Protein backbone atom coordinates (compact mmCIF):
# COMPACT_ATOMS: atom_id res chain seq x y z
CA MET A 1 -0.81 5.88 13.58
CA ASP A 2 -3.80 7.29 11.72
CA GLY A 3 -3.94 10.58 13.64
CA ILE A 4 -3.05 13.72 11.71
CA VAL A 5 -2.10 17.13 13.03
CA SER A 6 -2.01 19.63 10.17
CA TRP A 7 0.13 22.74 10.24
CA PRO A 8 0.41 25.85 8.09
CA GLY A 9 2.41 25.13 4.95
CA GLU A 10 2.47 21.36 5.47
CA GLU A 11 0.36 20.53 2.43
CA SER A 12 2.86 21.76 -0.15
CA SER A 13 6.04 20.63 1.57
CA ILE A 14 6.43 17.44 -0.52
CA THR A 15 6.75 18.01 -4.26
CA SER A 16 7.57 15.78 -7.21
CA ARG A 17 11.17 16.94 -6.94
CA PRO A 18 12.91 18.01 -3.74
CA ALA A 19 12.61 21.78 -3.31
CA ARG A 20 15.36 21.83 -0.71
CA ARG A 21 18.46 19.79 -0.27
CA LEU A 22 17.69 16.43 1.35
CA ARG A 23 19.50 15.42 4.53
CA THR A 24 22.73 13.50 4.23
CA SER A 25 22.48 11.70 7.59
CA PRO A 26 19.84 9.61 9.41
CA SER A 27 18.95 12.46 11.75
CA VAL A 28 15.15 12.15 11.71
CA LEU A 29 13.67 9.69 14.21
CA HIS A 30 10.13 8.37 14.35
CA ALA A 31 9.17 6.88 17.73
CA ASP A 32 5.93 5.03 18.32
CA VAL A 33 4.79 3.19 21.46
CA ASP A 34 3.68 -0.35 20.64
CA ALA A 35 -0.12 -0.88 21.01
CA PHE A 36 -0.19 2.07 23.42
CA TYR A 37 -3.57 1.81 25.18
CA ALA A 38 -3.46 -1.98 25.42
CA ALA A 39 0.17 -1.92 26.57
CA VAL A 40 -0.67 0.48 29.40
CA GLU A 41 -3.51 -1.79 30.48
CA GLN A 42 -1.25 -4.86 30.46
CA ARG A 43 1.37 -2.93 32.41
CA ASP A 44 -1.11 -1.90 35.11
CA LYS A 45 -2.97 -5.23 35.25
CA PRO A 46 -0.53 -8.14 35.78
CA SER A 47 -3.17 -10.79 35.06
CA LEU A 48 -3.50 -9.47 31.48
CA ARG A 49 0.18 -9.67 30.54
CA GLY A 50 0.66 -12.05 27.65
CA HIS A 51 -3.09 -12.28 27.02
CA PRO A 52 -5.26 -10.62 24.35
CA VAL A 53 -6.47 -7.15 25.38
CA ILE A 54 -8.86 -4.97 23.38
CA VAL A 55 -9.55 -1.34 24.36
CA GLY A 56 -12.46 0.67 23.01
CA GLY A 57 -16.16 1.38 23.25
CA LEU A 58 -17.81 -1.62 24.86
CA GLY A 59 -21.40 -1.06 23.80
CA PRO A 60 -23.04 -2.66 20.75
CA ARG A 61 -21.97 0.35 18.66
CA GLY A 62 -18.43 0.40 20.04
CA VAL A 63 -15.24 0.44 17.96
CA VAL A 64 -11.77 -0.91 18.76
CA ALA A 65 -9.32 1.83 19.71
CA THR A 66 -6.28 -0.44 20.23
CA ALA A 67 -5.67 -4.18 20.31
CA SER A 68 -2.68 -5.85 21.93
CA TYR A 69 -0.37 -7.91 19.72
CA GLU A 70 -1.86 -11.06 21.23
CA ALA A 71 -5.29 -9.95 19.95
CA ARG A 72 -3.94 -8.89 16.56
CA ARG A 73 -3.00 -12.51 15.87
CA TYR A 74 -6.74 -13.16 15.64
CA GLY A 75 -7.24 -10.38 13.09
CA VAL A 76 -8.43 -7.70 15.52
CA ARG A 77 -7.37 -4.19 14.50
CA SER A 78 -8.11 -0.54 15.23
CA ALA A 79 -11.42 0.88 13.90
CA MET A 80 -12.97 -2.60 13.74
CA SER A 81 -16.44 -2.83 15.26
CA MET A 82 -16.38 -4.27 18.75
CA VAL A 83 -18.97 -6.84 17.68
CA GLU A 84 -16.56 -8.24 15.09
CA ALA A 85 -13.65 -8.08 17.55
CA ARG A 86 -15.61 -10.16 20.08
CA ALA A 87 -16.41 -12.71 17.37
CA ARG A 88 -12.77 -12.97 16.29
CA CYS A 89 -11.25 -13.07 19.77
CA PRO A 90 -13.90 -13.88 22.39
CA GLN A 91 -11.26 -14.86 24.95
CA ALA A 92 -9.83 -11.32 25.07
CA ALA A 93 -10.21 -8.86 27.93
CA PHE A 94 -12.42 -6.02 26.65
CA LEU A 95 -11.71 -2.78 28.50
CA ALA A 96 -12.98 0.79 28.42
CA PRO A 97 -10.27 3.43 27.80
CA ARG A 98 -8.65 5.27 30.73
CA PHE A 99 -7.73 8.50 28.99
CA ALA A 100 -6.39 10.27 32.07
CA VAL A 101 -3.80 7.52 32.48
CA TYR A 102 -2.85 7.56 28.80
CA ARG A 103 -2.35 11.33 28.87
CA ALA A 104 -0.15 11.07 31.95
CA VAL A 105 2.02 8.36 30.37
CA SER A 106 2.20 10.37 27.15
CA ALA A 107 3.53 13.37 29.07
CA GLN A 108 6.29 11.18 30.54
CA ILE A 109 7.23 9.90 27.09
CA MET A 110 7.32 13.35 25.49
CA ASP A 111 9.52 14.59 28.34
CA ILE A 112 11.94 11.75 27.58
CA PHE A 113 11.99 12.66 23.89
CA ALA A 114 12.81 16.23 24.86
CA GLU A 115 15.92 15.00 26.67
CA PHE A 116 17.32 13.80 23.34
CA SER A 117 16.22 16.56 20.99
CA ALA A 118 15.18 20.19 21.11
CA LEU A 119 12.86 19.51 18.17
CA VAL A 120 10.08 17.04 19.00
CA GLU A 121 6.95 17.02 16.84
CA PRO A 122 4.16 15.05 18.57
CA LEU A 123 1.70 13.35 16.23
CA SER A 124 -0.54 11.84 18.90
CA LEU A 125 -0.30 10.69 22.52
CA ASP A 126 2.12 7.88 21.66
CA GLU A 127 3.94 8.98 18.52
CA ALA A 128 6.41 11.71 17.56
CA TYR A 129 9.19 12.76 15.21
CA LEU A 130 12.54 13.88 16.65
CA ASP A 131 15.31 15.82 14.92
CA ILE A 132 18.52 14.66 16.57
CA ALA A 133 20.71 16.83 14.34
CA THR A 134 19.81 19.83 16.47
CA SER A 135 21.93 18.53 19.37
CA ALA A 136 25.09 17.79 17.35
CA HIS A 137 27.54 19.98 15.45
CA GLU A 138 28.64 17.18 13.14
CA PRO A 139 26.46 15.07 10.81
CA ILE A 140 24.81 12.17 12.61
CA SER A 141 26.47 8.87 11.77
CA THR A 142 24.53 5.63 11.49
CA GLU A 143 26.20 4.39 14.66
CA ALA A 144 25.27 7.56 16.55
CA ALA A 145 21.65 7.32 15.42
CA VAL A 146 21.49 3.70 16.55
CA GLU A 147 22.90 4.62 19.95
CA ILE A 148 20.47 7.51 20.45
CA ALA A 149 17.52 5.33 19.43
CA ARG A 150 18.68 2.58 21.79
CA ARG A 151 18.96 5.02 24.70
CA ILE A 152 15.48 6.42 24.02
CA LYS A 153 14.03 2.92 24.05
CA GLU A 154 15.80 2.04 27.29
CA LYS A 155 14.71 5.26 29.01
CA VAL A 156 11.07 4.86 27.96
CA ARG A 157 11.01 1.29 29.24
CA ALA A 158 12.71 2.24 32.52
CA VAL A 159 10.33 5.13 33.23
CA THR A 160 7.03 3.81 31.85
CA GLY A 161 7.50 0.05 31.56
CA LEU A 162 6.46 0.21 27.88
CA SER A 163 8.22 -0.85 24.69
CA ILE A 164 8.64 1.60 21.86
CA SER A 165 9.67 1.15 18.24
CA VAL A 166 12.10 3.66 16.71
CA GLY A 167 13.09 4.23 13.12
CA ALA A 168 15.67 6.68 11.80
CA GLY A 169 16.47 8.00 8.35
CA ASN A 170 17.12 11.12 6.34
CA SER A 171 13.40 12.01 6.20
CA LYS A 172 10.10 11.61 7.97
CA LEU A 173 9.00 9.12 5.32
CA VAL A 174 11.97 6.81 5.77
CA ALA A 175 11.95 7.10 9.57
CA LYS A 176 8.21 6.28 9.75
CA ILE A 177 8.48 3.24 7.50
CA ALA A 178 11.59 2.05 9.36
CA SER A 179 9.85 2.24 12.74
CA ASP A 180 6.93 0.15 11.45
CA LEU A 181 8.97 -2.72 10.05
CA ASP A 182 10.20 -4.43 13.22
CA LYS A 183 7.29 -3.87 15.62
CA PRO A 184 6.96 -4.48 18.48
CA ASP A 185 10.07 -3.18 20.25
CA GLY A 186 11.81 -2.46 16.95
CA LEU A 187 14.87 -0.41 16.06
CA ARG A 188 15.78 0.24 12.43
CA VAL A 189 18.20 2.90 11.17
CA VAL A 190 18.55 3.49 7.42
CA PRO A 191 22.08 4.73 6.63
CA ALA A 192 22.44 7.88 4.55
CA GLY A 193 22.51 7.01 0.85
CA ALA A 194 20.75 3.68 1.36
CA GLU A 195 17.20 5.06 1.17
CA ALA A 196 16.47 3.76 -2.36
CA ASP A 197 17.75 0.27 -1.57
CA PHE A 198 15.75 0.28 1.67
CA LEU A 199 12.49 1.32 0.02
CA ALA A 200 12.73 -0.60 -3.26
CA PRO A 201 11.73 -4.14 -2.10
CA LEU A 202 8.93 -3.01 0.20
CA PRO A 203 5.27 -3.37 -0.84
CA VAL A 204 3.96 -0.21 -2.46
CA THR A 205 1.29 -0.09 0.26
CA ARG A 206 3.99 1.00 2.70
CA ILE A 207 3.85 4.48 1.16
CA PRO A 208 1.39 6.76 3.00
CA GLY A 209 -1.56 7.40 0.69
CA VAL A 210 -1.49 4.05 -1.09
CA GLY A 211 -4.72 2.39 0.00
CA PRO A 212 -6.43 -0.67 -1.46
CA ALA A 213 -7.85 1.10 -4.54
CA THR A 214 -4.54 2.78 -5.44
CA ALA A 215 -2.70 -0.48 -4.83
CA ALA A 216 -5.12 -2.29 -7.15
CA ARG A 217 -4.44 0.21 -9.95
CA LEU A 218 -0.71 -0.24 -9.51
CA HIS A 219 -0.96 -4.01 -9.34
CA ASN A 220 -2.94 -4.04 -12.59
CA VAL A 221 0.11 -2.62 -14.41
CA GLY A 222 2.59 -4.87 -12.60
CA VAL A 223 3.69 -2.43 -9.90
CA HIS A 224 3.85 -4.23 -6.57
CA THR A 225 6.90 -2.71 -4.85
CA ILE A 226 8.10 0.80 -4.12
CA GLY A 227 11.04 0.22 -6.43
CA GLU A 228 8.73 -0.66 -9.30
CA LEU A 229 6.76 2.55 -8.71
CA ALA A 230 9.99 4.56 -8.70
CA ALA A 231 10.97 2.92 -12.00
CA LEU A 232 7.96 4.46 -13.74
CA SER A 233 8.37 7.86 -15.30
CA GLU A 234 6.78 10.76 -13.48
CA GLU A 235 4.31 11.19 -16.33
CA GLU A 236 3.35 7.50 -16.25
CA ALA A 237 2.58 7.73 -12.55
CA ALA A 238 0.53 10.91 -13.10
CA ASN A 239 -1.48 9.34 -15.93
CA LEU A 240 -2.13 6.21 -13.89
CA LEU A 241 -3.04 7.75 -10.53
CA GLY A 242 -3.99 11.31 -11.33
CA ARG A 243 -1.73 14.30 -11.82
CA ALA A 244 -1.28 15.47 -8.21
CA HIS A 245 -1.66 12.11 -6.44
CA GLY A 246 0.50 10.22 -8.93
CA ARG A 247 3.38 12.69 -8.84
CA HIS A 248 3.21 12.86 -5.05
CA LEU A 249 3.49 9.07 -4.66
CA TRP A 250 6.16 8.86 -7.35
CA ALA A 251 8.27 11.38 -5.43
CA LEU A 252 7.85 9.43 -2.19
CA ALA A 253 8.85 6.22 -3.98
CA HIS A 254 12.21 7.91 -4.64
CA GLY A 255 12.48 8.86 -0.97
CA TRP A 256 12.06 12.57 -1.71
CA ASP A 257 10.66 14.03 1.48
CA ASP A 258 12.15 17.28 2.78
CA ARG A 259 9.55 18.04 5.47
CA ALA A 260 11.14 19.54 8.58
CA VAL A 261 10.53 18.38 12.12
CA CYS A 262 8.67 21.31 13.66
CA ALA A 263 7.90 21.56 17.34
CA ASP A 264 6.73 25.12 17.83
CA ARG A 265 4.34 25.90 15.00
CA ALA A 266 0.70 26.49 15.80
CA ALA A 267 -1.66 23.73 14.77
CA LYS A 268 -4.44 24.75 12.43
CA SER A 269 -6.41 21.51 12.68
CA VAL A 270 -6.50 18.12 14.35
CA SER A 271 -7.96 15.19 12.46
CA VAL A 272 -8.21 11.43 12.23
CA GLU A 273 -8.87 9.41 9.10
CA ASP A 274 -8.87 5.77 8.05
CA THR A 275 -8.75 4.00 4.69
CA PHE A 276 -10.80 0.81 4.80
CA ASP A 277 -9.57 -2.57 3.58
CA GLN A 278 -12.91 -2.91 1.78
CA ASP A 279 -15.34 -0.18 0.78
CA ILE A 280 -18.21 0.34 3.25
CA ALA A 281 -21.74 1.24 2.19
CA ASP A 282 -23.68 0.30 5.31
CA PRO A 283 -24.88 3.58 6.96
CA GLY A 284 -24.96 2.05 10.43
CA ARG A 285 -21.35 0.91 10.26
CA LEU A 286 -20.20 4.26 8.88
CA ARG A 287 -21.97 6.02 11.73
CA ILE A 288 -20.17 3.79 14.25
CA VAL A 289 -16.80 4.61 12.65
CA VAL A 290 -17.52 8.37 12.64
CA ARG A 291 -18.51 8.27 16.32
CA ALA A 292 -15.25 6.53 17.21
CA MET A 293 -13.22 8.99 15.13
CA ALA A 294 -14.89 11.92 16.85
CA GLU A 295 -13.80 10.50 20.19
CA ARG A 296 -10.22 10.01 19.00
CA VAL A 297 -10.09 13.56 17.60
CA VAL A 298 -11.23 15.01 20.93
CA GLU A 299 -8.67 12.87 22.75
CA ARG A 300 -5.89 14.34 20.60
CA LEU A 301 -7.36 17.82 20.88
CA ARG A 302 -7.19 17.56 24.66
CA ALA A 303 -3.68 16.12 24.50
CA HIS A 304 -2.62 19.40 22.88
CA THR A 305 -4.79 21.40 25.38
CA LEU A 306 -6.82 22.86 22.51
CA SER A 307 -10.45 23.51 21.63
CA GLY A 308 -11.98 24.04 18.19
CA ARG A 309 -14.99 25.65 16.54
CA THR A 310 -15.29 23.96 13.13
CA ILE A 311 -16.06 20.24 12.88
CA SER A 312 -15.65 18.57 9.50
CA VAL A 313 -16.26 15.13 8.02
CA LYS A 314 -14.25 13.97 4.99
CA VAL A 315 -15.59 11.14 2.80
CA ARG A 316 -13.79 9.54 -0.15
CA LEU A 317 -16.13 7.46 -2.27
CA THR A 318 -15.38 4.32 -4.26
CA ASP A 319 -14.71 6.37 -7.42
CA PHE A 320 -12.17 8.54 -5.52
CA THR A 321 -14.54 11.51 -5.31
CA THR A 322 -13.70 13.30 -2.08
CA LEU A 323 -16.42 15.24 -0.29
CA THR A 324 -16.15 17.40 2.82
CA ARG A 325 -18.93 18.68 5.03
CA SER A 326 -18.33 21.10 7.90
CA ALA A 327 -20.17 23.16 10.50
CA THR A 328 -18.95 25.95 12.76
CA LEU A 329 -20.02 26.30 16.38
CA PRO A 330 -20.59 29.67 18.07
CA ALA A 331 -17.76 28.94 20.55
CA PRO A 332 -14.79 26.54 20.76
CA THR A 333 -15.41 23.15 22.34
CA ASP A 334 -13.58 20.01 23.44
CA ASP A 335 -16.82 18.27 24.45
CA VAL A 336 -16.81 14.81 22.86
CA ARG A 337 -20.61 14.68 22.92
CA VAL A 338 -20.89 17.85 20.85
CA VAL A 339 -18.26 16.76 18.33
CA ARG A 340 -19.66 13.25 18.02
CA ARG A 341 -23.25 14.45 17.50
CA LEU A 342 -22.26 17.06 14.90
CA ALA A 343 -19.99 14.62 13.01
CA GLU A 344 -22.84 12.11 12.77
CA ARG A 345 -25.14 14.81 11.41
CA LEU A 346 -22.58 15.90 8.81
CA LEU A 347 -22.21 12.30 7.63
CA THR A 348 -25.91 12.18 6.78
CA GLU A 349 -25.38 15.05 4.33
CA VAL A 350 -23.27 12.81 2.06
CA ASP A 351 -24.68 10.10 -0.20
CA THR A 352 -22.58 7.07 0.77
CA SER A 353 -24.74 4.43 -0.93
CA SER A 354 -22.09 3.71 -3.58
CA GLY A 355 -19.51 2.83 -0.91
CA VAL A 356 -16.84 4.67 1.06
CA ARG A 357 -13.12 3.89 0.92
CA LEU A 358 -11.87 6.59 3.34
CA ILE A 359 -13.48 8.62 6.07
CA GLY A 360 -12.14 11.25 8.44
CA VAL A 361 -13.22 13.63 11.17
CA GLY A 362 -11.42 16.88 11.95
CA ILE A 363 -11.59 20.00 14.10
CA SER A 364 -10.24 23.39 13.06
CA GLY A 365 -10.52 26.97 14.23
CA LEU A 366 -8.33 26.00 17.18
CA THR A 367 -7.64 27.94 20.34
CA ASP A 368 -5.84 27.13 23.58
CA TRP A 369 -9.02 27.92 25.53
CA VAL A 370 -10.31 24.68 27.04
CA GLN A 371 -13.55 23.84 28.83
CA LEU A 372 -11.83 22.73 32.00
CA ASN A 373 -15.05 21.64 33.70
CA LEU A 374 -15.38 18.83 31.20
CA PHE A 375 -12.26 17.13 32.56
CA ALA A 376 -14.10 16.28 35.76
CA ASP A 377 -15.33 13.14 33.96
CA ASP A 378 -12.58 11.65 31.84
CA ARG A 379 -15.06 9.40 30.14
CA GLY A 380 -16.45 12.60 28.61
CA GLY A 381 -19.59 10.93 27.34
CA ARG A 382 -17.69 8.21 25.48
CA PRO A 383 -19.56 4.92 25.03
CA THR A 384 -17.94 2.61 27.52
CA GLY A 385 -20.70 0.10 27.98
CA GLY A 386 -23.29 0.03 30.68
CA ALA A 387 -24.73 -2.15 33.37
CA GLY A 388 -25.11 -5.72 32.27
CA GLU A 389 -21.86 -5.90 30.29
CA VAL A 390 -19.28 -8.39 31.45
CA SER A 391 -15.77 -8.49 30.02
CA THR A 392 -15.19 -11.80 28.30
CA GLY A 393 -12.23 -14.10 28.55
CA THR A 394 -10.63 -12.48 31.58
CA PRO A 395 -10.04 -14.95 34.42
CA GLY A 396 -12.73 -14.64 37.04
CA THR A 397 -15.10 -12.39 35.10
CA ALA A 398 -18.20 -14.45 35.81
CA SER A 399 -20.32 -12.52 38.30
CA PRO A 400 -23.04 -14.03 40.51
CA MET A 401 -26.41 -13.50 38.87
CA HIS A 402 -29.30 -12.44 41.12
CA THR A 403 -32.61 -10.74 40.53
CA ASP A 404 -33.84 -7.43 41.94
CA PRO A 405 -30.39 -5.89 42.50
CA PRO A 406 -30.05 -2.66 44.43
CA ALA A 407 -29.61 0.40 42.27
CA SER A 408 -26.00 1.47 41.87
CA ALA A 409 -24.88 5.07 41.83
CA VAL A 410 -21.73 4.12 39.86
CA PRO A 411 -21.80 2.73 36.28
CA TRP A 412 -18.93 0.27 36.75
CA THR A 413 -17.01 -0.34 33.51
CA PRO A 414 -14.46 -3.06 32.71
CA GLY A 415 -10.94 -1.74 33.25
CA GLN A 416 -12.00 0.98 35.69
CA ASP A 417 -9.72 1.64 38.68
CA VAL A 418 -11.41 1.05 42.03
CA VAL A 419 -10.49 0.80 45.69
CA HIS A 420 -12.13 -1.28 48.42
CA ARG A 421 -11.90 -0.25 52.05
CA ARG A 422 -10.75 -3.72 53.13
CA TYR A 423 -9.09 -5.20 50.03
CA GLY A 424 -7.36 -2.13 48.63
CA PRO A 425 -6.86 -1.08 44.97
CA GLY A 426 -7.98 -3.11 41.98
CA TRP A 427 -9.85 -2.88 38.71
CA VAL A 428 -13.28 -3.86 37.42
CA GLN A 429 -13.37 -7.07 35.40
CA GLY A 430 -17.10 -7.06 34.75
CA SER A 431 -20.48 -5.97 36.05
CA GLY A 432 -24.13 -6.82 35.63
CA ARG A 433 -27.34 -7.77 37.39
CA GLY A 434 -26.43 -5.66 40.40
CA TRP A 435 -22.98 -7.19 40.88
CA VAL A 436 -19.44 -6.06 40.09
CA THR A 437 -16.37 -8.29 39.85
CA VAL A 438 -13.01 -6.82 40.86
CA ARG A 439 -9.46 -8.15 40.54
CA PHE A 440 -7.26 -6.76 43.29
CA GLU A 441 -3.86 -6.08 41.74
CA THR A 442 -1.77 -3.16 40.58
CA ARG A 443 1.21 -2.57 38.32
CA ASP A 444 3.60 -3.40 41.18
CA THR A 445 1.89 -6.50 42.60
CA PRO A 446 1.66 -10.11 41.49
CA VAL A 447 -1.51 -11.37 39.82
CA GLY A 448 -4.25 -10.66 42.35
CA PRO A 449 -7.39 -12.40 43.61
CA VAL A 450 -10.88 -11.85 42.20
CA ARG A 451 -13.87 -10.91 44.38
CA SER A 452 -17.47 -9.99 43.59
CA PHE A 453 -19.59 -7.40 45.37
CA ARG A 454 -23.04 -5.92 45.11
CA ASP A 455 -22.56 -2.89 42.90
CA ALA A 456 -23.86 -0.59 45.65
CA ASP A 457 -21.35 -1.92 48.20
CA PRO A 458 -20.52 1.11 50.37
CA GLU A 459 -16.90 -0.05 50.78
CA LEU A 460 -16.20 -0.06 47.01
CA HIS A 461 -15.40 3.25 45.29
CA PRO A 462 -13.92 4.53 42.01
CA ALA A 463 -10.23 5.27 42.47
CA GLU A 464 -7.99 8.01 41.28
CA SER A 465 -6.28 6.76 38.13
CA PRO A 466 -2.72 5.66 38.95
């Protein structure tokens, strides 16, 4: 995941040489739900199972939040503009997010994690580290770690119907990389003492912090794998990549990561950042990305029941110059509209004409005070498309087209839960020109029939999210 929750003391916890004794057993687990938003939608909508699903902002300025594995085969990925996603995979079902549902499922998953460890460090709604050594008096064996990971996966699937990938190792670094290797539905445990052999053949881009520009510098000197980076001297890495950055990556290449799994420390900031495959100079595209990041930051802020006063935008230019702009509000907020508007304004204060390789949005000055009235509308001002948009590629999305439709009091959005007085529960497949198309099915039914209604039909209503 690209979500970051920063904590006091975290920045200096990885050094070029381990400050504390590294673990001698694979007792750190990293668990990550596979394609979380899209997987929840496929779970709750039987007609979408096995088909491409893309969740995000549906308007012309929308950005992909999550793509199912079926959509990823067409090159669709998170943070991609929705326009490009539609061009790459026009047959996909394009759905607006249902954040209330995702938060509810996340709570179930975190409760399951807590059954297996007293130390669970959530990173986002669908991702967490677990320290399983806290529940055992003896060192965790490889076999025991495998069994615990297997039981977590089984319990998550039984309770939520979702698959989850789990990695285990002697550090957060190794556990995170291990969980990513066999997605979806993966399980990889790195035995104690095997960390170097595990890391050595992997591409150097597997190390957090090695983006395209850093990778290019390493490739220019013949370093393509983590093992080849570890084979450099510390000074060579520092000269090549910069003193702090080079030594940090060199240490990670050796598997030196002694960060603890911490569940009870107070967060000092919540942020999201992405490194682009290619540098971006287009102001319009950067604005779209910043808007989407602001929405993701607020989602994670709410997941931790927090509000924040200071909004910041981080920009790393093509030449690796990193600039930060921030503004502090008079009171804490979790209003996505406020955060999104301020983040866009801060972006304009940076000259991005030379190209941007990384961008991030963060909120600090956190408090557990939350503007509860804002939860009345879970869409929270997020761009979810408007009248006239029809989800593409989903069976039965074509709606009858008529002129002079009656005005609708409800802005129906693809993916929205609805209920009809006669036909029961279902979800919106598309809407436009005064009509709305609904597929009547739920998580526990077979694939359901499709019916179209005038969008002001008095028997059709938004439903409570399941």
